[in-house]
C-alpha atoms as a PDB file:
ATOM      1  CA  MET A   1     115.212  70.659 100.633  1.00  0.00           C
ATOM      2  CA  PHE A   2     112.100  70.849 102.886  1.00  0.00           C
ATOM      3  CA  THR A   3     108.862  69.072 102.368  1.00  0.00           C
ATOM      4  CA  ARG A   4     106.013  70.874 104.109  1.00  0.00           C
ATOM      5  CA  PHE A   5     102.534  69.736 105.160  1.00  0.00           C
ATOM      6  CA  ASP A   6     100.015  72.090 106.727  1.00  0.00           C
ATOM      7  CA  ALA A   7      96.629  70.826 108.022  1.00  0.00           C
ATOM      8  CA  ALA A   8      95.207  74.290 107.369  1.00  0.00           C
ATOM      9  CA  THR A   9      95.421  73.536 103.650  1.00  0.00           C
ATOM     10  CA  VAL A  10      92.421  71.031 103.985  1.00  0.00           C
ATOM     11  CA  ARG A  11      88.879  71.455 105.386  1.00  0.00           C
ATOM     12  CA  GLU A  12      88.605  71.759 109.028  1.00  0.00           C
ATOM     13  CA  SER A  13      86.642  68.525 109.209  1.00  0.00           C
ATOM     14  CA  GLU A  14      89.484  66.613 107.446  1.00  0.00           C
ATOM     15  CA  ARG A  15      92.491  68.152 109.167  1.00  0.00           C
ATOM     16  CA  PHE A  16      92.935  65.718 111.906  1.00  0.00           C
ATOM     17  CA  SER A  17      92.721  62.583 109.672  1.00  0.00           C
ATOM     18  CA  TYR A  18      95.110  64.300 107.191  1.00  0.00           C
ATOM     19  CA  TRP A  19      97.600  64.954 109.980  1.00  0.00           C
ATOM     20  CA  HIS A  20      97.299  61.306 111.293  1.00  0.00           C
ATOM     21  CA  GLU A  21      98.084  59.825 107.953  1.00  0.00           C
ATOM     22  CA  GLU A  22     101.111  62.086 107.353  1.00  0.00           C
ATOM     23  CA  MET A  23     102.532  61.322 110.706  1.00  0.00           C
ATOM     24  CA  CYS A  24     102.064  57.639 110.049  1.00  0.00           C
ATOM     25  CA  ARG A  25     103.499  57.816 106.576  1.00  0.00           C
ATOM     26  CA  ASN A  26     106.614  59.924 107.773  1.00  0.00           C
ATOM     27  CA  PHE A  27     107.434  58.140 111.071  1.00  0.00           C
ATOM     28  CA  CYS A  28     105.473  55.007 111.982  1.00  0.00           C
ATOM     29  CA  ARG A  29     101.862  53.707 112.330  1.00  0.00           C
ATOM     30  CA  ALA A  30     100.356  54.694 115.586  1.00  0.00           C
ATOM     31  CA  GLU A  31      97.020  55.820 116.841  1.00  0.00           C
ATOM     32  CA  SER A  32      96.509  59.368 117.808  1.00  0.00           C
ATOM     33  CA  LYS A  33      93.809  61.185 119.603  1.00  0.00           C
ATOM     34  CA  PRO A  34      93.342  64.846 120.329  1.00  0.00           C
ATOM     35  CA  VAL A  35      93.288  65.766 124.102  1.00  0.00           C
ATOM     36  CA  THR A  36      91.671  69.235 123.995  1.00  0.00           C
ATOM     37  CA  PRO A  37      88.347  70.454 122.609  1.00  0.00           C
ATOM     38  CA  ARG A  38      90.113  73.081 120.399  1.00  0.00           C
ATOM     39  CA  PRO A  39      89.839  73.168 116.714  1.00  0.00           C
ATOM     40  CA  PHE A  40      92.714  71.091 115.253  1.00  0.00           C
ATOM     41  CA  ASN A  41      95.695  72.781 113.537  1.00  0.00           C
ATOM     42  CA  ALA A  42      99.260  71.291 112.802  1.00  0.00           C
ATOM     43  CA  SER A  43     102.015  71.738 110.329  1.00  0.00           C
ATOM     44  CA  LEU A  44     105.278  69.624 109.583  1.00  0.00           C
ATOM     45  CA  SER A  45     108.333  70.336 107.532  1.00  0.00           C
ATOM     46  CA  CYS A  46     110.688  67.492 106.763  1.00  0.00           C
ATOM     47  CA  ALA A  47     114.245  67.391 105.149  1.00  0.00           C
ATOM     48  CA  ASP A  48     116.725  64.434 104.467  1.00  0.00           C
ATOM     49  CA  LEU A  49     120.230  64.888 105.799  1.00  0.00           C
ATOM     50  CA  GLY A  50     121.622  61.773 104.212  1.00  0.00           C
ATOM     51  CA  SER A  51     120.046  58.895 105.902  1.00  0.00           C
ATOM     52  CA  VAL A  52     118.614  60.909 108.631  1.00  0.00           C
ATOM     53  CA  GLN A  53     115.308  62.666 108.362  1.00  0.00           C
ATOM     54  CA  ILE A  54     114.938  65.891 110.365  1.00  0.00           C
ATOM     55  CA  SER A  55     111.364  67.320 111.036  1.00  0.00           C
ATOM     56  CA  SER A  56     109.948  70.215 112.781  1.00  0.00           C
ATOM     57  CA  ILE A  57     106.427  69.920 114.216  1.00  0.00           C
ATOM     58  CA  ASP A  58     103.819  72.349 115.470  1.00  0.00           C
ATOM     59  CA  CYS A  59     100.749  70.554 116.609  1.00  0.00           C
ATOM     60  CA  GLU A  60      97.713  70.693 118.938  1.00  0.00           C
ATOM     61  CA  ALA A  61      97.722  68.583 121.959  1.00  0.00           C
ATOM     62  CA  LEU A  62      97.742  64.866 121.110  1.00  0.00           C
ATOM     63  CA  ARG A  63      98.173  61.531 122.440  1.00  0.00           C
ATOM     64  CA  TYR A  64     100.117  59.036 120.316  1.00  0.00           C
ATOM     65  CA  GLN A  65     100.069  55.192 120.951  1.00  0.00           C
ATOM     66  CA  ARG A  66     101.820  52.536 118.996  1.00  0.00           C
ATOM     67  CA  ALA A  67     100.636  49.363 120.264  1.00  0.00           C
ATOM     68  CA  ALA A  68     101.946  45.827 119.821  1.00  0.00           C
ATOM     69  CA  GLY A  69      99.420  45.253 117.163  1.00  0.00           C
ATOM     70  CA  ASP A  70     100.688  48.253 115.192  1.00  0.00           C
ATOM     71  CA  VAL A  71     104.280  46.895 115.560  1.00  0.00           C
ATOM     72  CA  ARG A  72     103.208  43.605 114.153  1.00  0.00           C
ATOM     73  CA  SER A  73     100.981  44.955 111.198  1.00  0.00           C
ATOM     74  CA  SER A  74     103.150  47.773 110.331  1.00  0.00           C
ATOM     75  CA  PRO A  75     106.887  47.166 111.247  1.00  0.00           C
ATOM     76  CA  ALA A  76     109.319  49.910 111.414  1.00  0.00           C
ATOM     77  CA  GLU A  77     112.964  49.746 112.195  1.00  0.00           C
ATOM     78  CA  ASP A  78     114.051  53.521 113.016  1.00  0.00           C
ATOM     79  CA  PHE A  79     114.723  55.379 116.184  1.00  0.00           C
ATOM     80  CA  LEU A  80     113.091  58.659 116.843  1.00  0.00           C
ATOM     81  CA  LEU A  81     114.787  61.249 118.735  1.00  0.00           C
ATOM     82  CA  SER A  82     113.028  64.270 119.789  1.00  0.00           C
ATOM     83  CA  VAL A  83     113.847  67.748 121.144  1.00  0.00           C
ATOM     84  CA  LEU A  84     111.023  69.741 122.756  1.00  0.00           C
ATOM     85  CA  VAL A  85     110.812  73.352 121.540  1.00  0.00           C
ATOM     86  CA  GLY A  86     107.563  74.534 123.112  1.00  0.00           C
ATOM     87  CA  GLY A  87     105.032  72.851 125.370  1.00  0.00           C
ATOM     88  CA  SER A  88     105.612  69.533 127.379  1.00  0.00           C
ATOM     89  CA  GLY A  89     105.482  65.836 126.856  1.00  0.00           C
ATOM     90  CA  ARG A  90     105.288  62.441 128.559  1.00  0.00           C
ATOM     91  CA  ILE A  91     106.780  59.355 126.847  1.00  0.00           C
ATOM     92  CA  GLU A  92     106.410  55.782 128.016  1.00  0.00           C
ATOM     93  CA  GLN A  93     108.240  52.837 126.545  1.00  0.00           C
ATOM     94  CA  GLN A  94     109.706  49.625 128.157  1.00  0.00           C
ATOM     95  CA  GLY A  95     107.931  50.480 131.634  1.00  0.00           C
ATOM     96  CA  ARG A  96     109.617  53.816 131.873  1.00  0.00           C
ATOM     97  CA  LEU A  97     107.521  56.940 131.889  1.00  0.00           C
ATOM     98  CA  THR A  98     109.416  60.142 131.471  1.00  0.00           C
ATOM     99  CA  GLN A  99     108.518  63.901 131.621  1.00  0.00           C
ATOM    100  CA  GLN A 100     109.961  66.035 128.861  1.00  0.00           C
ATOM    101  CA  ASN A 101     110.302  69.760 129.202  1.00  0.00           C
ATOM    102  CA  VAL A 102     111.590  72.313 126.549  1.00  0.00           C
ATOM    103  CA  ASN A 103     115.055  71.447 125.246  1.00  0.00           C
ATOM    104  CA  ASP A 104     115.093  67.968 126.680  1.00  0.00           C
ATOM    105  CA  VAL A 105     116.050  65.156 124.423  1.00  0.00           C
ATOM    106  CA  VAL A 106     114.420  61.747 124.461  1.00  0.00           C
ATOM    107  CA  ILE A 107     114.922  58.685 122.221  1.00  0.00           C
ATOM    108  CA  TYR A 108     112.293  55.993 121.314  1.00  0.00           C
ATOM    109  CA  ASP A 109     112.146  52.932 119.272  1.00  0.00           C
ATOM    110  CA  THR A 110     109.597  52.252 116.563  1.00  0.00           C
ATOM    111  CA  ALA A 111     110.073  48.646 116.884  1.00  0.00           C
ATOM    112  CA  GLN A 112     108.719  48.668 120.254  1.00  0.00           C
ATOM    113  CA  PRO A 113     105.242  49.959 121.645  1.00  0.00           C
ATOM    114  CA  PHE A 114     105.111  53.423 123.079  1.00  0.00           C
ATOM    115  CA  VAL A 115     102.895  56.030 124.223  1.00  0.00           C
ATOM    116  CA  TYR A 116     103.735  59.751 123.517  1.00  0.00           C
ATOM    117  CA  GLU A 117     101.456  62.540 124.886  1.00  0.00           C
ATOM    118  CA  PHE A 118     101.289  66.138 124.709  1.00  0.00           C
ATOM    119  CA  PRO A 119      98.803  67.865 127.009  1.00  0.00           C
ATOM    120  CA  ASP A 120      98.923  71.168 125.081  1.00  0.00           C
ATOM    121  CA  ARG A 121     100.069  72.496 121.874  1.00  0.00           C
ATOM    122  CA  TYR A 122     103.677  71.678 121.336  1.00  0.00           C
ATOM    123  CA  GLN A 123     106.555  72.265 119.043  1.00  0.00           C
ATOM    124  CA  MET A 124     109.495  69.955 118.416  1.00  0.00           C
ATOM    125  CA  VAL A 125     112.426  68.876 116.345  1.00  0.00           C
ATOM    126  CA  LEU A 126     112.150  65.100 115.516  1.00  0.00           C
ATOM    127  CA  LEU A 127     115.157  63.073 114.174  1.00  0.00           C
ATOM    128  CA  LYS A 128     114.389  59.759 112.306  1.00  0.00           C
ATOM    129  CA  ILE A 129     117.565  57.751 112.593  1.00  0.00           C
ATOM    130  CA  PRO A 130     118.153  54.324 110.799  1.00  0.00           C
ATOM    131  CA  ARG A 131     118.458  51.541 113.155  1.00  0.00           C
ATOM    132  CA  ARG A 132     121.694  50.180 111.788  1.00  0.00           C
ATOM    133  CA  ALA A 133     123.243  53.739 111.982  1.00  0.00           C
ATOM    134  CA  MET A 134     122.226  54.045 115.598  1.00  0.00           C
ATOM    135  CA  LEU A 135     123.138  50.570 116.807  1.00  0.00           C
ATOM    136  CA  ALA A 136     126.594  50.888 115.267  1.00  0.00           C
ATOM    137  CA  ARG A 137     127.337  53.879 117.468  1.00  0.00           C
ATOM    138  CA  VAL A 138     125.190  53.010 120.629  1.00  0.00           C
ATOM    139  CA  PRO A 139     124.943  49.286 120.756  1.00  0.00           C
ATOM    140  CA  GLU A 140     122.533  49.452 123.861  1.00  0.00           C
ATOM    141  CA  ALA A 141     120.100  52.098 122.247  1.00  0.00           C
ATOM    142  CA  GLU A 142     117.350  49.572 122.399  1.00  0.00           C
ATOM    143  CA  ARG A 143     117.635  49.618 126.293  1.00  0.00           C
ATOM    144  CA  LEU A 144     117.851  53.438 126.586  1.00  0.00           C
ATOM    145  CA  THR A 145     114.619  54.403 125.215  1.00  0.00           C
ATOM    146  CA  ALA A 146     112.226  56.768 127.103  1.00  0.00           C
ATOM    147  CA  LEU A 147     115.311  58.087 129.140  1.00  0.00           C
ATOM    148  CA  LYS A 148     115.747  61.860 129.149  1.00  0.00           C
ATOM    149  CA  ILE A 149     118.905  63.970 128.319  1.00  0.00           C
ATOM    150  CA  ASP A 150     118.402  66.943 130.395  1.00  0.00           C
ATOM    151  CA  GLY A 151     118.431  70.015 128.172  1.00  0.00           C
ATOM    152  CA  GLN A 152     119.520  72.187 131.076  1.00  0.00           C
ATOM    153  CA  THR A 153     122.859  70.320 131.541  1.00  0.00           C
ATOM    154  CA  PRO A 154     125.930  71.272 129.273  1.00  0.00           C
ATOM    155  CA  LEU A 155     125.740  68.026 127.329  1.00  0.00           C
ATOM    156  CA  GLY A 156     122.091  68.187 126.861  1.00  0.00           C
ATOM    157  CA  SER A 157     122.139  71.764 125.838  1.00  0.00           C
ATOM    158  CA  LEU A 158     124.750  70.943 123.266  1.00  0.00           C
ATOM    159  CA  ALA A 159     122.809  68.125 121.742  1.00  0.00           C
ATOM    160  CA  ALA A 160     119.508  70.135 121.812  1.00  0.00           C
ATOM    161  CA  THR A 161     121.036  73.316 120.317  1.00  0.00           C
ATOM    162  CA  MET A 162     122.698  71.349 117.550  1.00  0.00           C
ATOM    163  CA  ILE A 163     119.535  69.429 116.504  1.00  0.00           C
ATOM    164  CA  ARG A 164     117.347  72.699 116.614  1.00  0.00           C
ATOM    165  CA  ASN A 165     119.894  74.413 114.567  1.00  0.00           C
ATOM    166  CA  ALA A 166     119.994  71.619 111.958  1.00  0.00           C
ATOM    167  CA  ALA A 167     116.318  71.913 111.567  1.00  0.00           C
ATOM    168  CA  THR A 168     116.734  75.355 110.177  1.00  0.00           C
ATOM    169  CA  LEU A 169     119.176  74.411 107.592  1.00  0.00           C
ATOM    170  CA  ASP A 170     117.868  74.226 103.822  1.00  0.00           C
ATOM    171  CA  LEU A 171     120.871  72.367 102.274  1.00  0.00           C
ATOM    172  CA  GLN A 172     120.596  72.035  98.514  1.00  0.00           C
ATOM    173  CA  ASP A 173     123.997  69.980  98.297  1.00  0.00           C
ATOM    174  CA  GLY A 174     123.199  66.407  99.062  1.00  0.00           C
ATOM    175  CA  ALA A 175     126.716  65.429  99.997  1.00  0.00           C
ATOM    176  CA  ALA A 176     126.934  68.382 102.491  1.00  0.00           C
ATOM    177  CA  ALA A 177     123.429  67.448 103.997  1.00  0.00           C
ATOM    178  CA  ALA A 178     124.605  63.700 104.508  1.00  0.00           C
ATOM    179  CA  LYS A 179     127.708  65.009 106.368  1.00  0.00           C
ATOM    180  CA  VAL A 180     125.552  67.075 108.669  1.00  0.00           C
ATOM    181  CA  GLY A 181     123.376  64.101 109.408  1.00  0.00           C
ATOM    182  CA  THR A 182     126.289  61.969 110.199  1.00  0.00           C
ATOM    183  CA  SER A 183     127.929  64.536 112.532  1.00  0.00           C
ATOM    184  CA  ILE A 184     124.553  64.701 114.239  1.00  0.00           C
ATOM    185  CA  ILE A 185     124.430  60.999 114.958  1.00  0.00           C
ATOM    186  CA  ASP A 186     128.024  60.983 116.194  1.00  0.00           C
ATOM    187  CA  VAL A 187     127.441  63.792 118.645  1.00  0.00           C
ATOM    188  CA  ILE A 188     124.256  62.080 119.976  1.00  0.00           C
ATOM    189  CA  ALA A 189     126.116  58.829 120.342  1.00  0.00           C
ATOM    190  CA  ALA A 190     128.932  60.612 122.243  1.00  0.00           C
ATOM    191  CA  VAL A 191     126.319  62.459 124.726  1.00  0.00           C
ATOM    192  CA  MET A 192     124.380  59.247 125.235  1.00  0.00           C
ATOM    193  CA  ASP A 193     127.626  57.388 126.114  1.00  0.00           C
ATOM    194  CA  VAL A 194     128.465  60.059 128.838  1.00  0.00           C
ATOM    195  CA  GLN A 195     124.924  60.515 130.110  1.00  0.00           C
ATOM    196  CA  PHE A 196     124.152  56.792 130.421  1.00  0.00           C
ATOM    197  CA  ALA A 197     127.582  55.303 131.115  1.00  0.00           C
ATOM    198  CA  GLY A 198     127.945  52.685 133.886  1.00  0.00           C
ATOM    199  CA  SER A 199     125.266  52.159 136.448  1.00  0.00           C
ATOM    200  CA  SER A 200     122.871  54.438 134.892  1.00  0.00           C
ATOM    201  CA  ARG A 201     122.139  52.070 132.107  1.00  0.00           C
ATOM    202  CA  PRO A 202     118.987  50.235 132.795  1.00  0.00           C
ATOM    203  CA  SER A 203     118.953  46.525 133.181  1.00  0.00           C
ATOM    204  CA  ASP A 204     115.950  44.171 132.789  1.00  0.00           C
ATOM    205  CA  ARG A 205     115.564  43.937 136.423  1.00  0.00           C
ATOM    206  CA  HIS A 206     115.710  47.719 136.852  1.00  0.00           C
ATOM    207  CA  ALA A 207     112.989  48.216 134.187  1.00  0.00           C
ATOM    208  CA  SER A 208     110.869  45.519 136.061  1.00  0.00           C
ATOM    209  CA  LEU A 209     111.276  47.101 139.493  1.00  0.00           C
ATOM    210  CA  LEU A 210     110.533  50.744 138.063  1.00  0.00           C
ATOM    211  CA  HIS A 211     107.308  49.465 136.284  1.00  0.00           C
ATOM    212  CA  ARG A 212     106.231  47.846 139.520  1.00  0.00           C
ATOM    213  CA  ALA A 213     106.807  50.990 141.517  1.00  0.00           C
ATOM    214  CA  GLN A 214     104.885  53.191 138.908  1.00  0.00           C
ATOM    215  CA  ALA A 215     101.947  50.641 138.882  1.00  0.00           C
ATOM    216  CA  TYR A 216     101.774  50.606 142.702  1.00  0.00           C
ATOM    217  CA  MET A 217     101.775  54.624 142.762  1.00  0.00           C
ATOM    218  CA  ARG A 218      99.125  54.762 140.009  1.00  0.00           C
ATOM    219  CA  SER A 219      96.852  52.597 142.128  1.00  0.00           C
ATOM    220  CA  HIS A 220      97.246  54.766 145.160  1.00  0.00           C
ATOM    221  CA  LEU A 221      96.880  58.253 143.576  1.00  0.00           C
ATOM    222  CA  ASP A 222      94.025  59.110 145.748  1.00  0.00           C
ATOM    223  CA  ASP A 223      96.329  58.707 148.940  1.00  0.00           C
ATOM    224  CA  PRO A 224      97.464  62.331 149.856  1.00  0.00           C
ATOM    225  CA  GLU A 225      99.884  60.646 152.402  1.00  0.00           C
ATOM    226  CA  LEU A 226     101.623  58.663 149.785  1.00  0.00           C
ATOM    227  CA  GLY A 227     105.445  59.312 150.233  1.00  0.00           C
ATOM    228  CA  VAL A 228     108.815  57.752 149.244  1.00  0.00           C
ATOM    229  CA  ASP A 229     109.140  55.793 152.603  1.00  0.00           C
ATOM    230  CA  GLY A 230     105.640  54.446 152.345  1.00  0.00           C
ATOM    231  CA  ILE A 231     105.905  53.457 148.776  1.00  0.00           C
ATOM    232  CA  ALA A 232     109.506  51.749 149.276  1.00  0.00           C
ATOM    233  CA  ALA A 233     108.169  49.743 152.272  1.00  0.00           C
ATOM    234  CA  ALA A 234     105.060  48.451 150.342  1.00  0.00           C
ATOM    235  CA  LEU A 235     107.515  47.269 147.442  1.00  0.00           C
ATOM    236  CA  HIS A 236     110.112  45.929 150.003  1.00  0.00           C
ATOM    237  CA  MET A 237     112.985  48.006 149.010  1.00  0.00           C
ATOM    238  CA  SER A 238     114.932  50.946 150.561  1.00  0.00           C
ATOM    239  CA  SER A 239     113.995  54.534 149.870  1.00  0.00           C
ATOM    240  CA  SER A 240     117.358  55.049 148.200  1.00  0.00           C
ATOM    241  CA  THR A 241     116.791  51.988 145.908  1.00  0.00           C
ATOM    242  CA  LEU A 242     113.450  53.531 144.805  1.00  0.00           C
ATOM    243  CA  GLY A 243     115.114  56.863 144.237  1.00  0.00           C
ATOM    244  CA  ARG A 244     117.730  55.374 141.985  1.00  0.00           C
ATOM    245  CA  LEU A 245     115.167  53.622 139.922  1.00  0.00           C
ATOM    246  CA  PHE A 246     113.388  57.102 139.099  1.00  0.00           C
ATOM    247  CA  ALA A 247     116.770  58.881 138.780  1.00  0.00           C
ATOM    248  CA  GLY A 248     117.561  56.485 135.909  1.00  0.00           C
ATOM    249  CA  SER A 249     114.587  57.892 134.085  1.00  0.00           C
ATOM    250  CA  GLY A 250     115.594  61.510 134.627  1.00  0.00           C
ATOM    251  CA  THR A 251     113.199  62.341 137.388  1.00  0.00           C
ATOM    252  CA  THR A 252     112.473  61.856 141.133  1.00  0.00           C
ATOM    253  CA  VAL A 253     109.848  59.755 142.932  1.00  0.00           C
ATOM    254  CA  MET A 254     107.904  62.640 144.128  1.00  0.00           C
ATOM    255  CA  ARG A 255     108.235  64.643 140.805  1.00  0.00           C
ATOM    256  CA  TRP A 256     106.882  61.536 138.937  1.00  0.00           C
ATOM    257  CA  LEU A 257     103.973  61.189 141.406  1.00  0.00           C
ATOM    258  CA  TRP A 258     102.838  64.766 141.030  1.00  0.00           C
ATOM    259  CA  GLU A 259     103.042  64.750 137.300  1.00  0.00           C
ATOM    260  CA  GLU A 260     100.992  61.471 137.313  1.00  0.00           C
ATOM    261  CA  ARG A 261      98.321  63.022 139.642  1.00  0.00           C
ATOM    262  CA  LEU A 262      98.145  65.982 137.423  1.00  0.00           C
ATOM    263  CA  ALA A 263      97.839  64.022 134.341  1.00  0.00           C
ATOM    264  CA  ALA A 264      95.113  61.775 135.784  1.00  0.00           C
ATOM    265  CA  GLY A 265      93.254  64.878 136.882  1.00  0.00           C
ATOM    266  CA  HIS A 266      93.455  66.362 133.269  1.00  0.00           C
ATOM    267  CA  ARG A 267      92.277  63.006 131.599  1.00  0.00           C
ATOM    268  CA  ALA A 268      89.325  63.103 134.175  1.00  0.00           C
ATOM    269  CA  LEU A 269      88.288  66.586 133.122  1.00  0.00           C
ATOM    270  CA  LEU A 270      88.712  65.868 129.435  1.00  0.00           C
ATOM    271  CA  GLU A 271      86.797  62.737 129.411  1.00  0.00           C
ATOM    272  CA  GLY A 272      83.933  64.288 131.484  1.00  0.00           C
ATOM    273  CA  ARG A 273      84.363  61.783 134.433  1.00  0.00           C
ATOM    274  CA  ALA A 274      84.264  64.682 137.048  1.00  0.00           C
ATOM    275  CA  ARG A 275      82.040  67.791 137.050  1.00  0.00           C
ATOM    276  CA  GLN A 276      83.823  69.615 140.048  1.00  0.00           C
ATOM    277  CA  VAL A 277      87.382  70.705 140.574  1.00  0.00           C
ATOM    278  CA  THR A 278      87.196  69.579 144.183  1.00  0.00           C
ATOM    279  CA  GLU A 279      86.117  65.976 143.130  1.00  0.00           C
ATOM    280  CA  VAL A 280      89.104  65.703 140.748  1.00  0.00           C
ATOM    281  CA  ALA A 281      91.520  67.021 143.306  1.00  0.00           C
ATOM    282  CA  LEU A 282      90.509  64.581 146.002  1.00  0.00           C
ATOM    283  CA  THR A 283      90.590  61.621 143.514  1.00  0.00           C
ATOM    284  CA  CYS A 284      93.986  62.441 142.530  1.00  0.00           C
ATOM    285  CA  GLY A 285      95.485  62.850 146.118  1.00  0.00           C
ATOM    286  CA  PHE A 286      95.520  66.737 146.538  1.00  0.00           C
ATOM    287  CA  SER A 287      94.489  67.617 149.923  1.00  0.00           C
ATOM    288  CA  SER A 288      94.475  71.554 148.951  1.00  0.00           C
ATOM    289  CA  PHE A 289      92.196  72.513 146.084  1.00  0.00           C
ATOM    290  CA  SER A 290      94.020  75.835 145.558  1.00  0.00           C
ATOM    291  CA  HIS A 291      97.274  73.914 145.279  1.00  0.00           C
ATOM    292  CA  PHE A 292      95.687  71.523 142.685  1.00  0.00           C
ATOM    293  CA  SER A 293      94.373  74.582 140.671  1.00  0.00           C
ATOM    294  CA  ARG A 294      97.646  76.382 140.745  1.00  0.00           C
ATOM    295  CA  SER A 295      99.755  73.397 139.739  1.00  0.00           C
ATOM    296  CA  PHE A 296      97.308  72.470 136.948  1.00  0.00           C
ATOM    297  CA  LYS A 297      97.321  75.708 135.542  1.00  0.00           C
ATOM    298  CA  ALA A 298     101.269  75.894 135.718  1.00  0.00           C
ATOM    299  CA  ARG A 299     101.495  72.418 133.938  1.00  0.00           C
ATOM    300  CA  TYR A 300      98.612  72.931 131.301  1.00  0.00           C
ATOM    301  CA  GLY A 301      98.426  76.542 130.807  1.00  0.00           C
ATOM    302  CA  HIS A 302      94.781  76.882 131.718  1.00  0.00           C
ATOM    303  CA  SER A 303      92.793  76.292 134.845  1.00  0.00           C
ATOM    304  CA  PRO A 304      90.633  73.049 135.721  1.00  0.00           C
ATOM    305  CA  ASN A 305      87.591  75.158 135.411  1.00  0.00           C
ATOM    306  CA  THR A 306      88.353  75.956 131.649  1.00  0.00           C
ATOM    307  CA  LEU A 307      87.938  72.234 130.824  1.00  0.00           C
ATOM    308  CA  ILE A 308      84.685  71.937 132.808  1.00  0.00           C
ATOM    309  CA  ARG A 309      83.168  74.886 130.926  1.00  0.00           C
ATOM    310  CA  ALA A 310      84.394  73.563 127.777  1.00  0.00           C
ATOM    311  CA  ARG A 311      82.320  70.398 128.255  1.00  0.00           C
ATOM    312  CA  THR A 312      79.255  72.158 129.705  1.00  0.00           C
ATOM    313  CA  PRO A 313      76.531  72.608 127.157  1.00  0.00           C
ATOM    314  CA  SER A 314      75.561  76.312 126.838  1.00  0.00           C
ATOM    315  CA  THR A 315      72.106  77.244 128.218  1.00  0.00           C
ATOM    316  CA  HIS A 316      71.749  80.016 125.579  1.00  0.00           C
END
């Protein structure tokens, strides 16, 4: 049986705080922050499938951050597994940053800090899986967080479709619901075992090298000449090694770099740190302003000028 929460049922001034508390109560304590000036609206429906909780979320653009202090003060022992139904997301945990698109599946650990941000309105199905149940099937699950199961692959599509369909079930029979929940975990475990088998499983050294590469790239976003060979040389590794680091996170070096540049530009505009599109484009390493504007609109669904106008006081 579904339990539903809708921010529209409370006064507009209270909607965000209402949503924040519901998300913390149902999943884990994390700070959340709207990332667009639009009025806030969101809805959540939850159902239990035995020990597994399945939820459907429809929410305005938000940034969630579970910091180390939240982990200490409000411990949680579940894994969360998300399937994106609409919009796009970026999740960071254990030094890995992964771009999530529609139908992609990612898993993250509430016992560790994470950042999960959605630059525009998003819809997703979210599973809350007890730690013991997940580790019994995937012993290395704690080291596989923030890695993407691509929804365009046969295995990824299988997992995403099964989870999305399960979210539409309204099972009154508790025993039947529990069987469905167990079956979902079994399929997810099988997909993860195949997807991340062998060399693709990240080691501590892998995570450390990836984090170092990402930090270097973030500090050189304004360099329009930044490329794979130059990054690899600066980090004293081969270009192929650098490529494998990012492949383990479900992306490529340059795709991650362009996503990071667009995200940096988006944050600068939202926070009012830039008043002109050209200024943002140059700061983020784009040599072509039209390329920046086209890429920005394709990524966020609106032009950079839309955010500038939203922050500019009316003269009327």
